[in-house]
Full PDB file with SEQRES, HELIX, SHEET, SSBOND, CRYST1, ORIGX, SCALE, CONECT and MASTER records, all heavy atoms in Angstrom:
SEQRES   1 A   43  VAL HIS ARG ARG ALA VAL MET GLY SER LEU ASP SER LEU          
SEQRES   2 A   43  SER TRP PHE PHE ALA VAL LEU ALA THR SER SER LEU ALA          
SEQRES   3 A   43  PHE ILE GLU SER ARG LYS ALA PHE ASP ILE GLY VAL ALA          
SEQRES   4 A   43  LEU GLY LEU ALA                                              
HELIX    1 AA1 HIS A    2  SER A   30  1                                  29    
HELIX    2 AA2 ILE A   36  LEU A   42  1                                   7    
CRYST1    1.000    1.000    1.000  90.00  90.00  90.00 P 1           1          
ORIGX1      1.000000  0.000000  0.000000        0.00000                         
ORIGX2      0.000000  1.000000  0.000000        0.00000                         
ORIGX3      0.000000  0.000000  1.000000        0.00000                         
SCALE1      1.000000  0.000000  0.000000        0.00000                         
SCALE2      0.000000  1.000000  0.000000        0.00000                         
SCALE3      0.000000  0.000000  1.000000        0.00000                         
ATOM      1  N   VAL A   1      59.465  80.203  57.683  1.00  0.00           N  
ATOM      2  CA  VAL A   1      59.692  81.654  57.619  1.00  0.00           C  
ATOM      3  C   VAL A   1      58.477  82.355  57.019  1.00  0.00           C  
ATOM      4  O   VAL A   1      58.043  83.413  57.498  1.00  0.00           O  
ATOM      5  CB  VAL A   1      60.963  81.956  56.792  1.00  0.00           C  
ATOM      6  CG1 VAL A   1      61.076  83.462  56.529  1.00  0.00           C  
ATOM      7  CG2 VAL A   1      62.197  81.440  57.511  1.00  0.00           C  
ATOM      8  N   HIS A   2      57.914  81.752  55.971  1.00  0.00           N  
ATOM      9  CA  HIS A   2      56.730  82.347  55.324  1.00  0.00           C  
ATOM     10  C   HIS A   2      55.561  82.431  56.297  1.00  0.00           C  
ATOM     11  O   HIS A   2      54.889  83.474  56.394  1.00  0.00           O  
ATOM     12  CB  HIS A   2      56.355  81.506  54.101  1.00  0.00           C  
ATOM     13  CG  HIS A   2      55.080  81.938  53.444  1.00  0.00           C  
ATOM     14  ND1 HIS A   2      54.978  83.096  52.710  1.00  0.00           N  
ATOM     15  CD2 HIS A   2      53.833  81.369  53.428  1.00  0.00           C  
ATOM     16  CE1 HIS A   2      53.734  83.231  52.257  1.00  0.00           C  
ATOM     17  NE2 HIS A   2      53.027  82.194  52.675  1.00  0.00           N  
ATOM     18  N   ARG A   3      55.309  81.347  57.046  1.00  0.00           N  
ATOM     19  CA  ARG A   3      54.199  81.356  57.993  1.00  0.00           C  
ATOM     20  C   ARG A   3      54.418  82.406  59.077  1.00  0.00           C  
ATOM     21  O   ARG A   3      53.486  83.106  59.487  1.00  0.00           O  
ATOM     22  CB  ARG A   3      54.024  79.970  58.624  1.00  0.00           C  
ATOM     23  CG  ARG A   3      53.418  78.938  57.687  1.00  0.00           C  
ATOM     24  CD  ARG A   3      52.976  77.705  58.449  1.00  0.00           C  
ATOM     25  NE  ARG A   3      54.086  77.035  59.104  1.00  0.00           N  
ATOM     26  CZ  ARG A   3      54.830  76.095  58.524  1.00  0.00           C  
ATOM     27  NH1 ARG A   3      54.589  75.732  57.280  1.00  0.00           N  
ATOM     28  NH2 ARG A   3      55.825  75.518  59.182  1.00  0.00           N  
ATOM     29  N   ARG A   4      55.635  82.534  59.555  1.00  0.00           N  
ATOM     30  CA  ARG A   4      55.919  83.519  60.600  1.00  0.00           C  
ATOM     31  C   ARG A   4      55.738  84.940  60.077  1.00  0.00           C  
ATOM     32  O   ARG A   4      55.231  85.821  60.781  1.00  0.00           O  
ATOM     33  CB  ARG A   4      57.343  83.315  61.136  1.00  0.00           C  
ATOM     34  CG  ARG A   4      57.541  81.978  61.834  1.00  0.00           C  
ATOM     35  CD  ARG A   4      58.787  81.986  62.698  1.00  0.00           C  
ATOM     36  NE  ARG A   4      60.013  82.169  61.932  1.00  0.00           N  
ATOM     37  CZ  ARG A   4      60.723  81.193  61.400  1.00  0.00           C  
ATOM     38  NH1 ARG A   4      60.297  79.937  61.524  1.00  0.00           N  
ATOM     39  NH2 ARG A   4      61.845  81.440  60.754  1.00  0.00           N  
ATOM     40  N   ALA A   5      56.181  85.173  58.826  1.00  0.00           N  
ATOM     41  CA  ALA A   5      56.033  86.506  58.237  1.00  0.00           C  
ATOM     42  C   ALA A   5      54.567  86.870  58.055  1.00  0.00           C  
ATOM     43  O   ALA A   5      54.141  88.003  58.345  1.00  0.00           O  
ATOM     44  CB  ALA A   5      56.772  86.561  56.896  1.00  0.00           C  
ATOM     45  N   VAL A   6      53.769  85.922  57.597  1.00  0.00           N  
ATOM     46  CA  VAL A   6      52.338  86.171  57.407  1.00  0.00           C  
ATOM     47  C   VAL A   6      51.675  86.474  58.739  1.00  0.00           C  
ATOM     48  O   VAL A   6      50.877  87.424  58.862  1.00  0.00           O  
ATOM     49  CB  VAL A   6      51.668  84.970  56.717  1.00  0.00           C  
ATOM     50  CG1 VAL A   6      50.152  85.101  56.759  1.00  0.00           C  
ATOM     51  CG2 VAL A   6      52.149  84.849  55.281  1.00  0.00           C  
ATOM     52  N   MET A   7      51.989  85.682  59.761  1.00  0.00           N  
ATOM     53  CA  MET A   7      51.355  85.899  61.056  1.00  0.00           C  
ATOM     54  C   MET A   7      51.790  87.226  61.659  1.00  0.00           C  
ATOM     55  O   MET A   7      50.983  87.955  62.258  1.00  0.00           O  
ATOM     56  CB  MET A   7      51.698  84.749  62.009  1.00  0.00           C  
ATOM     57  CG  MET A   7      50.870  84.736  63.280  1.00  0.00           C  
ATOM     58  SD  MET A   7      49.075  84.756  62.970  1.00  0.00           S  
ATOM     59  CE  MET A   7      48.882  83.159  62.162  1.00  0.00           C  
ATOM     60  N   GLY A   8      53.068  87.595  61.475  1.00  0.00           N  
ATOM     61  CA  GLY A   8      53.528  88.887  61.965  1.00  0.00           C  
ATOM     62  C   GLY A   8      52.814  90.038  61.279  1.00  0.00           C  
ATOM     63  O   GLY A   8      52.448  91.040  61.922  1.00  0.00           O  
ATOM     64  N   SER A   9      52.596  89.878  59.984  1.00  0.00           N  
ATOM     65  CA  SER A   9      51.881  90.925  59.233  1.00  0.00           C  
ATOM     66  C   SER A   9      50.439  91.052  59.711  1.00  0.00           C  
ATOM     67  O   SER A   9      49.912  92.166  59.871  1.00  0.00           O  
ATOM     68  CB  SER A   9      51.916  90.617  57.735  1.00  0.00           C  
ATOM     69  OG  SER A   9      53.249  90.551  57.262  1.00  0.00           O  
ATOM     70  N   LEU A  10      49.786  89.901  59.946  1.00  0.00           N  
ATOM     71  CA  LEU A  10      48.396  89.931  60.421  1.00  0.00           C  
ATOM     72  C   LEU A  10      48.311  90.548  61.816  1.00  0.00           C  
ATOM     73  O   LEU A  10      47.371  91.295  62.118  1.00  0.00           O  
ATOM     74  CB  LEU A  10      47.812  88.517  60.428  1.00  0.00           C  
ATOM     75  CG  LEU A  10      47.575  87.889  59.049  1.00  0.00           C  
ATOM     76  CD1 LEU A  10      47.143  86.432  59.201  1.00  0.00           C  
ATOM     77  CD2 LEU A  10      46.517  88.677  58.277  1.00  0.00           C  
ATOM     78  N   ASP A  11      49.297  90.253  62.673  1.00  0.00           N  
ATOM     79  CA  ASP A  11      49.299  90.856  64.008  1.00  0.00           C  
ATOM     80  C   ASP A  11      49.472  92.376  63.921  1.00  0.00           C  
ATOM     81  O   ASP A  11      48.835  93.132  64.666  1.00  0.00           O  
ATOM     82  CB  ASP A  11      50.423  90.256  64.854  1.00  0.00           C  
ATOM     83  CG  ASP A  11      50.137  88.822  65.261  1.00  0.00           C  
ATOM     84  OD1 ASP A  11      48.974  88.385  65.120  1.00  0.00           O  
ATOM     85  OD2 ASP A  11      51.077  88.128  65.710  1.00  0.00           O  
ATOM     86  N   SER A  12      50.355  92.817  63.013  1.00  0.00           N  
ATOM     87  CA  SER A  12      50.560  94.257  62.833  1.00  0.00           C  
ATOM     88  C   SER A  12      49.297  94.927  62.311  1.00  0.00           C  
ATOM     89  O   SER A  12      48.931  96.031  62.744  1.00  0.00           O  
ATOM     90  CB  SER A  12      51.730  94.501  61.867  1.00  0.00           C  
ATOM     91  OG  SER A  12      52.940  94.018  62.420  1.00  0.00           O  
ATOM     92  N   LEU A  13      48.606  94.251  61.394  1.00  0.00           N  
ATOM     93  CA  LEU A  13      47.343  94.787  60.891  1.00  0.00           C  
ATOM     94  C   LEU A  13      46.307  94.876  62.004  1.00  0.00           C  
ATOM     95  O   LEU A  13      45.474  95.803  62.029  1.00  0.00           O  
ATOM     96  CB  LEU A  13      46.821  93.918  59.747  1.00  0.00           C  
ATOM     97  CG  LEU A  13      47.503  94.105  58.392  1.00  0.00           C  
ATOM     98  CD1 LEU A  13      46.980  93.086  57.380  1.00  0.00           C  
ATOM     99  CD2 LEU A  13      47.274  95.531  57.865  1.00  0.00           C  
ATOM    100  N   SER A  14      46.321  93.899  62.920  1.00  0.00           N  
ATOM    101  CA  SER A  14      45.397  93.946  64.053  1.00  0.00           C  
ATOM    102  C   SER A  14      45.614  95.223  64.857  1.00  0.00           C  
ATOM    103  O   SER A  14      44.654  95.908  65.248  1.00  0.00           O  
ATOM    104  CB  SER A  14      45.587  92.714  64.948  1.00  0.00           C  
ATOM    105  OG  SER A  14      45.299  91.530  64.249  1.00  0.00           O  
ATOM    106  N   TRP A  15      46.864  95.543  65.123  1.00  0.00           N  
ATOM    107  CA  TRP A  15      47.168  96.776  65.856  1.00  0.00           C  
ATOM    108  C   TRP A  15      46.771  98.004  65.051  1.00  0.00           C  
ATOM    109  O   TRP A  15      46.249  98.982  65.589  1.00  0.00           O  
ATOM    110  CB  TRP A  15      48.661  96.822  66.190  1.00  0.00           C  
ATOM    111  CG  TRP A  15      48.961  96.327  67.555  1.00  0.00           C  
ATOM    112  CD1 TRP A  15      49.504  95.132  67.898  1.00  0.00           C  
ATOM    113  CD2 TRP A  15      48.734  97.022  68.774  1.00  0.00           C  
ATOM    114  NE1 TRP A  15      49.630  95.019  69.257  1.00  0.00           N  
ATOM    115  CE2 TRP A  15      49.160  96.180  69.831  1.00  0.00           C  
ATOM    116  CE3 TRP A  15      48.189  98.263  69.094  1.00  0.00           C  
ATOM    117  CZ2 TRP A  15      49.077  96.544  71.158  1.00  0.00           C  
ATOM    118  CZ3 TRP A  15      48.113  98.632  70.434  1.00  0.00           C  
ATOM    119  CH2 TRP A  15      48.549  97.778  71.454  1.00  0.00           C  
ATOM    120  N   PHE A  16      47.049  97.985  63.760  1.00  0.00           N  
ATOM    121  CA  PHE A  16      46.740  99.130  62.904  1.00  0.00           C  
ATOM    122  C   PHE A  16      45.252  99.474  62.987  1.00  0.00           C  
ATOM    123  O   PHE A  16      44.861 100.625  63.247  1.00  0.00           O  
ATOM    124  CB  PHE A  16      47.148  98.820  61.461  1.00  0.00           C  
ATOM    125  CG  PHE A  16      46.957  99.953  60.504  1.00  0.00           C  
ATOM    126  CD1 PHE A  16      47.928 100.930  60.347  1.00  0.00           C  
ATOM    127  CD2 PHE A  16      45.786 100.061  59.743  1.00  0.00           C  
ATOM    128  CE1 PHE A  16      47.752 101.978  59.456  1.00  0.00           C  
ATOM    129  CE2 PHE A  16      45.594 101.099  58.865  1.00  0.00           C  
ATOM    130  CZ  PHE A  16      46.584 102.065  58.712  1.00  0.00           C  
ATOM    131  N   PHE A  17      44.429  98.459  62.789  1.00  0.00           N  
ATOM    132  CA  PHE A  17      42.980  98.716  62.791  1.00  0.00           C  
ATOM    133  C   PHE A  17      42.447  98.978  64.202  1.00  0.00           C  
ATOM    134  O   PHE A  17      41.497  99.741  64.392  1.00  0.00           O  
ATOM    135  CB  PHE A  17      42.234  97.544  62.150  1.00  0.00           C  
ATOM    136  CG  PHE A  17      42.425  97.455  60.664  1.00  0.00           C  
ATOM    137  CD1 PHE A  17      43.073  96.374  60.091  1.00  0.00           C  
ATOM    138  CD2 PHE A  17      41.972  98.470  59.830  1.00  0.00           C  
ATOM    139  CE1 PHE A  17      43.255  96.294  58.720  1.00  0.00           C  
ATOM    140  CE2 PHE A  17      42.150  98.407  58.458  1.00  0.00           C  
ATOM    141  CZ  PHE A  17      42.797  97.308  57.899  1.00  0.00           C  
ATOM    142  N   ALA A  18      43.085  98.335  65.215  1.00  0.00           N  
ATOM    143  CA  ALA A  18      42.650  98.565  66.592  1.00  0.00           C  
ATOM    144  C   ALA A  18      42.906 100.012  66.995  1.00  0.00           C  
ATOM    145  O   ALA A  18      42.044 100.660  67.639  1.00  0.00           O  
ATOM    146  CB  ALA A  18      43.378  97.606  67.538  1.00  0.00           C  
ATOM    147  N   VAL A  19      44.064 100.548  66.635  1.00  0.00           N  
ATOM    148  CA  VAL A  19      44.377 101.942  66.976  1.00  0.00           C  
ATOM    149  C   VAL A  19      43.456 102.903  66.234  1.00  0.00           C  
ATOM    150  O   VAL A  19      42.944 103.877  66.817  1.00  0.00           O  
ATOM    151  CB  VAL A  19      45.856 102.246  66.664  1.00  0.00           C  
ATOM    152  CG1 VAL A  19      46.127 103.750  66.795  1.00  0.00           C  
ATOM    153  CG2 VAL A  19      46.761 101.476  67.615  1.00  0.00           C  
ATOM    154  N   LEU A  20      43.210 102.638  64.938  1.00  0.00           N  
ATOM    155  CA  LEU A  20      42.294 103.504  64.181  1.00  0.00           C  
ATOM    156  C   LEU A  20      40.894 103.482  64.783  1.00  0.00           C  
ATOM    157  O   LEU A  20      40.232 104.531  64.920  1.00  0.00           O  
ATOM    158  CB  LEU A  20      42.240 103.058  62.716  1.00  0.00           C  
ATOM    159  CG  LEU A  20      43.445 103.408  61.836  1.00  0.00           C  
ATOM    160  CD1 LEU A  20      43.220 102.898  60.416  1.00  0.00           C  
ATOM    161  CD2 LEU A  20      43.685 104.912  61.823  1.00  0.00           C  
ATOM    162  N   ALA A  21      40.437 102.289  65.166  1.00  0.00           N  
ATOM    163  CA  ALA A  21      39.079 102.158  65.700  1.00  0.00           C  
ATOM    164  C   ALA A  21      38.937 102.870  67.040  1.00  0.00           C  
ATOM    165  O   ALA A  21      37.976 103.623  67.269  1.00  0.00           O  
ATOM    166  CB  ALA A  21      38.722 100.677  65.846  1.00  0.00           C  
ATOM    167  N   THR A  22      39.891 102.641  67.934  1.00  0.00           N  
ATOM    168  CA  THR A  22      39.783 103.265  69.259  1.00  0.00           C  
ATOM    169  C   THR A  22      40.014 104.769  69.198  1.00  0.00           C  
ATOM    170  O   THR A  22      39.422 105.531  69.959  1.00  0.00           O  
ATOM    171  CB  THR A  22      40.789 102.620  70.236  1.00  0.00           C  
ATOM    172  OG1 THR A  22      42.110 102.715  69.682  1.00  0.00           O  
ATOM    173  CG2 THR A  22      40.437 101.161  70.494  1.00  0.00           C  
ATOM    174  N   SER A  23      40.875 105.219  68.274  1.00  0.00           N  
ATOM    175  CA  SER A  23      41.101 106.664  68.120  1.00  0.00           C  
ATOM    176  C   SER A  23      39.842 107.358  67.624  1.00  0.00           C  
ATOM    177  O   SER A  23      39.466 108.443  68.111  1.00  0.00           O  
ATOM    178  CB  SER A  23      42.263 106.917  67.154  1.00  0.00           C  
ATOM    179  OG  SER A  23      43.475 106.424  67.676  1.00  0.00           O  
ATOM    180  N   SER A  24      39.185 106.738  66.648  1.00  0.00           N  
ATOM    181  CA  SER A  24      37.950 107.346  66.122  1.00  0.00           C  
ATOM    182  C   SER A  24      36.876 107.395  67.195  1.00  0.00           C  
ATOM    183  O   SER A  24      36.133 108.383  67.319  1.00  0.00           O  
ATOM    184  CB  SER A  24      37.460 106.565  64.904  1.00  0.00           C  
ATOM    185  OG  SER A  24      37.142 105.221  65.257  1.00  0.00           O  
ATOM    186  N   LEU A  25      36.801 106.341  68.023  1.00  0.00           N  
ATOM    187  CA  LEU A  25      35.812 106.338  69.106  1.00  0.00           C  
ATOM    188  C   LEU A  25      36.120 107.425  70.125  1.00  0.00           C  
ATOM    189  O   LEU A  25      35.204 108.087  70.649  1.00  0.00           O  
ATOM    190  CB  LEU A  25      35.790 104.966  69.796  1.00  0.00           C  
ATOM    191  CG  LEU A  25      35.140 103.817  69.016  1.00  0.00           C  
ATOM    192  CD1 LEU A  25      35.320 102.501  69.765  1.00  0.00           C  
ATOM    193  CD2 LEU A  25      33.647 104.100  68.797  1.00  0.00           C  
ATOM    194  N   ALA A  26      37.396 107.622  70.395  1.00  0.00           N  
ATOM    195  CA  ALA A  26      37.780 108.656  71.361  1.00  0.00           C  
ATOM    196  C   ALA A  26      37.406 110.046  70.868  1.00  0.00           C  
ATOM    197  O   ALA A  26      36.924 110.896  71.631  1.00  0.00           O  
ATOM    198  CB  ALA A  26      39.281 108.581  71.632  1.00  0.00           C  
ATOM    199  N   PHE A  27      37.605 110.289  69.580  1.00  0.00           N  
ATOM    200  CA  PHE A  27      37.255 111.599  69.027  1.00  0.00           C  
ATOM    201  C   PHE A  27      35.736 111.793  68.981  1.00  0.00           C  
ATOM    202  O   PHE A  27      35.217 112.884  69.210  1.00  0.00           O  
ATOM    203  CB  PHE A  27      37.865 111.769  67.631  1.00  0.00           C  
ATOM    204  CG  PHE A  27      39.282 112.245  67.664  1.00  0.00           C  
ATOM    205  CD1 PHE A  27      40.319 111.350  67.509  1.00  0.00           C  
ATOM    206  CD2 PHE A  27      39.574 113.587  67.871  1.00  0.00           C  
ATOM    207  CE1 PHE A  27      41.639 111.781  67.555  1.00  0.00           C  
ATOM    208  CE2 PHE A  27      40.887 114.023  67.909  1.00  0.00           C  
ATOM    209  CZ  PHE A  27      41.931 113.126  67.758  1.00  0.00           C  
ATOM    210  N   ILE A  28      35.024 110.714  68.672  1.00  0.00           N  
ATOM    211  CA  ILE A  28      33.550 110.819  68.632  1.00  0.00           C  
ATOM    212  C   ILE A  28      33.025 111.155  70.016  1.00  0.00           C  
ATOM    213  O   ILE A  28      32.121 111.984  70.195  1.00  0.00           O  
ATOM    214  CB  ILE A  28      32.936 109.516  68.114  1.00  0.00           C  
ATOM    215  CG1 ILE A  28      33.269 109.337  66.617  1.00  0.00           C  
ATOM    216  CG2 ILE A  28      31.440 109.484  68.327  1.00  0.00           C  
ATOM    217  CD1 ILE A  28      32.875 107.991  66.056  1.00  0.00           C  
ATOM    218  N   GLU A  29      33.626 110.488  71.050  1.00  0.00           N  
ATOM    219  CA  GLU A  29      33.177 110.734  72.416  1.00  0.00           C  
ATOM    220  C   GLU A  29      33.462 112.165  72.851  1.00  0.00           C  
ATOM    221  O   GLU A  29      32.662 112.811  73.542  1.00  0.00           O  
ATOM    222  CB  GLU A  29      33.885 109.758  73.380  1.00  0.00           C  
ATOM    223  CG  GLU A  29      32.913 108.784  74.002  1.00  0.00           C  
ATOM    224  CD  GLU A  29      33.590 107.913  75.040  1.00  0.00           C  
ATOM    225  OE1 GLU A  29      34.072 108.457  76.040  1.00  0.00           O  
ATOM    226  OE2 GLU A  29      33.639 106.707  74.806  1.00  0.00           O  
ATOM    227  N   SER A  30      34.584 112.689  72.411  1.00  0.00           N  
ATOM    228  CA  SER A  30      34.958 114.050  72.817  1.00  0.00           C  
ATOM    229  C   SER A  30      34.318 115.113  71.938  1.00  0.00           C  
ATOM    230  O   SER A  30      34.426 116.304  72.225  1.00  0.00           O  
ATOM    231  CB  SER A  30      36.471 114.217  72.755  1.00  0.00           C  
ATOM    232  OG  SER A  30      36.927 114.065  71.416  1.00  0.00           O  
ATOM    233  N   ARG A  31      33.664 114.661  70.869  1.00  0.00           N  
ATOM    234  CA  ARG A  31      32.958 115.562  69.944  1.00  0.00           C  
ATOM    235  C   ARG A  31      33.916 116.587  69.332  1.00  0.00           C  
ATOM    236  O   ARG A  31      33.567 117.742  69.131  1.00  0.00           O  
ATOM    237  CB  ARG A  31      31.811 116.272  70.655  1.00  0.00           C  
ATOM    238  CG  ARG A  31      30.745 115.327  71.165  1.00  0.00           C  
ATOM    239  CD  ARG A  31      29.621 116.075  71.834  1.00  0.00           C  
ATOM    240  NE  ARG A  31      28.611 115.136  72.338  1.00  0.00           N  
ATOM    241  CZ  ARG A  31      27.516 115.523  72.974  1.00  0.00           C  
ATOM    242  NH1 ARG A  31      27.276 116.819  73.193  1.00  0.00           N  
ATOM    243  NH2 ARG A  31      26.646 114.623  73.412  1.00  0.00           N  
ATOM    244  N   LYS A  32      35.112 116.149  69.088  1.00  0.00           N  
ATOM    245  CA  LYS A  32      36.076 117.004  68.417  1.00  0.00           C  
ATOM    246  C   LYS A  32      36.418 116.423  67.065  1.00  0.00           C  
ATOM    247  O   LYS A  32      36.159 115.264  66.790  1.00  0.00           O  
ATOM    248  CB  LYS A  32      37.334 117.157  69.273  1.00  0.00           C  
ATOM    249  CG  LYS A  32      37.084 117.929  70.558  1.00  0.00           C  
ATOM    250  CD  LYS A  32      38.368 118.173  71.298  1.00  0.00           C  
ATOM    251  CE  LYS A  32      38.129 118.980  72.574  1.00  0.00           C  
ATOM    252  NZ  LYS A  32      39.389 119.231  73.306  1.00  0.00           N  
ATOM    253  N   ALA A  33      37.038 117.246  66.233  1.00  0.00           N  
ATOM    254  CA  ALA A  33      37.400 116.794  64.879  1.00  0.00           C  
ATOM    255  C   ALA A  33      38.419 115.668  64.958  1.00  0.00           C  
ATOM    256  O   ALA A  33      39.360 115.706  65.763  1.00  0.00           O  
ATOM    257  CB  ALA A  33      37.956 117.970  64.075  1.00  0.00           C  
ATOM    258  N   PHE A  34      38.221 114.688  64.108  1.00  0.00           N  
ATOM    259  CA  PHE A  34      39.104 113.518  64.077  1.00  0.00           C  
ATOM    260  C   PHE A  34      40.397 113.868  63.338  1.00  0.00           C  
ATOM    261  O   PHE A  34      40.366 114.230  62.157  1.00  0.00           O  
ATOM    262  CB  PHE A  34      38.381 112.357  63.393  1.00  0.00           C  
ATOM    263  CG  PHE A  34      39.219 111.100  63.304  1.00  0.00           C  
ATOM    264  CD1 PHE A  34      39.899 110.612  64.414  1.00  0.00           C  
ATOM    265  CD2 PHE A  34      39.327 110.408  62.107  1.00  0.00           C  
ATOM    266  CE1 PHE A  34      40.645 109.459  64.331  1.00  0.00           C  
ATOM    267  CE2 PHE A  34      40.080 109.263  62.026  1.00  0.00           C  
ATOM    268  CZ  PHE A  34      40.726 108.780  63.126  1.00  0.00           C  
ATOM    269  N   ASP A  35      41.517 113.793  64.046  1.00  0.00           N  
ATOM    270  CA  ASP A  35      42.821 114.087  63.444  1.00  0.00           C  
ATOM    271  C   ASP A  35      43.357 112.812  62.800  1.00  0.00           C  
ATOM    272  O   ASP A  35      44.014 112.002  63.446  1.00  0.00           O  
ATOM    273  CB  ASP A  35      43.779 114.604  64.517  1.00  0.00           C  
ATOM    274  CG  ASP A  35      45.048 115.186  63.900  1.00  0.00           C  
ATOM    275  OD1 ASP A  35      45.352 114.843  62.732  1.00  0.00           O  
ATOM    276  OD2 ASP A  35      45.740 115.950  64.593  1.00  0.00           O  
ATOM    277  N   ILE A  36      43.046 112.633  61.495  1.00  0.00           N  
ATOM    278  CA  ILE A  36      43.411 111.404  60.814  1.00  0.00           C  
ATOM    279  C   ILE A  36      44.920 111.220  60.736  1.00  0.00           C  
ATOM    280  O   ILE A  36      45.431 110.104  60.778  1.00  0.00           O  
ATOM    281  CB  ILE A  36      42.785 111.378  59.388  1.00  0.00           C  
ATOM    282  CG1 ILE A  36      43.017 110.025  58.730  1.00  0.00           C  
ATOM    283  CG2 ILE A  36      43.352 112.511  58.553  1.00  0.00           C  
ATOM    284  CD1 ILE A  36      42.371 108.874  59.415  1.00  0.00           C  
ATOM    285  N   GLY A  37      45.648 112.300  60.654  1.00  0.00           N  
ATOM    286  CA  GLY A  37      47.107 112.208  60.565  1.00  0.00           C  
ATOM    287  C   GLY A  37      47.720 111.609  61.810  1.00  0.00           C  
ATOM    288  O   GLY A  37      48.569 110.725  61.757  1.00  0.00           O  
ATOM    289  N   VAL A  38      47.295 112.096  62.971  1.00  0.00           N  
ATOM    290  CA  VAL A  38      47.802 111.563  64.243  1.00  0.00           C  
ATOM    291  C   VAL A  38      47.413 110.094  64.404  1.00  0.00           C  
ATOM    292  O   VAL A  38      48.212 109.252  64.824  1.00  0.00           O  
ATOM    293  CB  VAL A  38      47.270 112.406  65.418  1.00  0.00           C  
ATOM    294  CG1 VAL A  38      47.648 111.749  66.756  1.00  0.00           C  
ATOM    295  CG2 VAL A  38      47.811 113.811  65.348  1.00  0.00           C  
ATOM    296  N   ALA A  39      46.157 109.797  64.062  1.00  0.00           N  
ATOM    297  CA  ALA A  39      45.684 108.417  64.206  1.00  0.00           C  
ATOM    298  C   ALA A  39      46.471 107.456  63.308  1.00  0.00           C  
ATOM    299  O   ALA A  39      46.868 106.369  63.742  1.00  0.00           O  
ATOM    300  CB  ALA A  39      44.193 108.339  63.893  1.00  0.00           C  
ATOM    301  N   LEU A  40      46.717 107.861  62.054  1.00  0.00           N  
ATOM    302  CA  LEU A  40      47.474 106.990  61.135  1.00  0.00           C  
ATOM    303  C   LEU A  40      48.912 106.827  61.620  1.00  0.00           C  
ATOM    304  O   LEU A  40      49.494 105.741  61.539  1.00  0.00           O  
ATOM    305  CB  LEU A  40      47.454 107.580  59.724  1.00  0.00           C  
ATOM    306  CG  LEU A  40      46.173 107.381  58.926  1.00  0.00           C  
ATOM    307  CD1 LEU A  40      46.242 108.130  57.602  1.00  0.00           C  
ATOM    308  CD2 LEU A  40      45.931 105.887  58.672  1.00  0.00           C  
ATOM    309  N   GLY A  41      49.466 107.914  62.122  1.00  0.00           N  
ATOM    310  CA  GLY A  41      50.840 107.817  62.632  1.00  0.00           C  
ATOM    311  C   GLY A  41      50.952 106.839  63.782  1.00  0.00           C  
ATOM    312  O   GLY A  41      51.866 106.008  63.847  1.00  0.00           O  
ATOM    313  N   LEU A  42      50.011 106.923  64.723  1.00  0.00           N  
ATOM    314  CA  LEU A  42      50.031 105.994  65.860  1.00  0.00           C  
ATOM    315  C   LEU A  42      49.769 104.554  65.410  1.00  0.00           C  
ATOM    316  O   LEU A  42      50.359 103.602  65.945  1.00  0.00           O  
ATOM    317  CB  LEU A  42      48.978 106.418  66.883  1.00  0.00           C  
ATOM    318  CG  LEU A  42      49.297 107.678  67.686  1.00  0.00           C  
ATOM    319  CD1 LEU A  42      48.103 108.053  68.574  1.00  0.00           C  
ATOM    320  CD2 LEU A  42      50.544 107.479  68.541  1.00  0.00           C  
ATOM    321  N   ALA A  43      48.882 104.382  64.413  1.00  0.00           N  
ATOM    322  CA  ALA A  43      48.577 103.031  63.931  1.00  0.00           C  
ATOM    323  C   ALA A  43      49.802 102.386  63.283  1.00  0.00           C  
ATOM    324  O   ALA A  43      50.103 101.205  63.511  1.00  0.00           O  
ATOM    325  CB  ALA A  43      47.414 103.086  62.949  1.00  0.00           C  
TER     326      ALA A  43                                                      
MASTER        0    0    0    2    0    0    0    6  325    1    0    4          
END                                                                             
């Protein structure tokens, strides 16, 4: 159970950082202000 919980947490963190990274890149490309609230919510 411990190993599964740790791996699930790491997978969730992967998504969290992946969404933040791609959201920031999208805003940089569009040259608009980065909406940190929306990005954190989606992450």
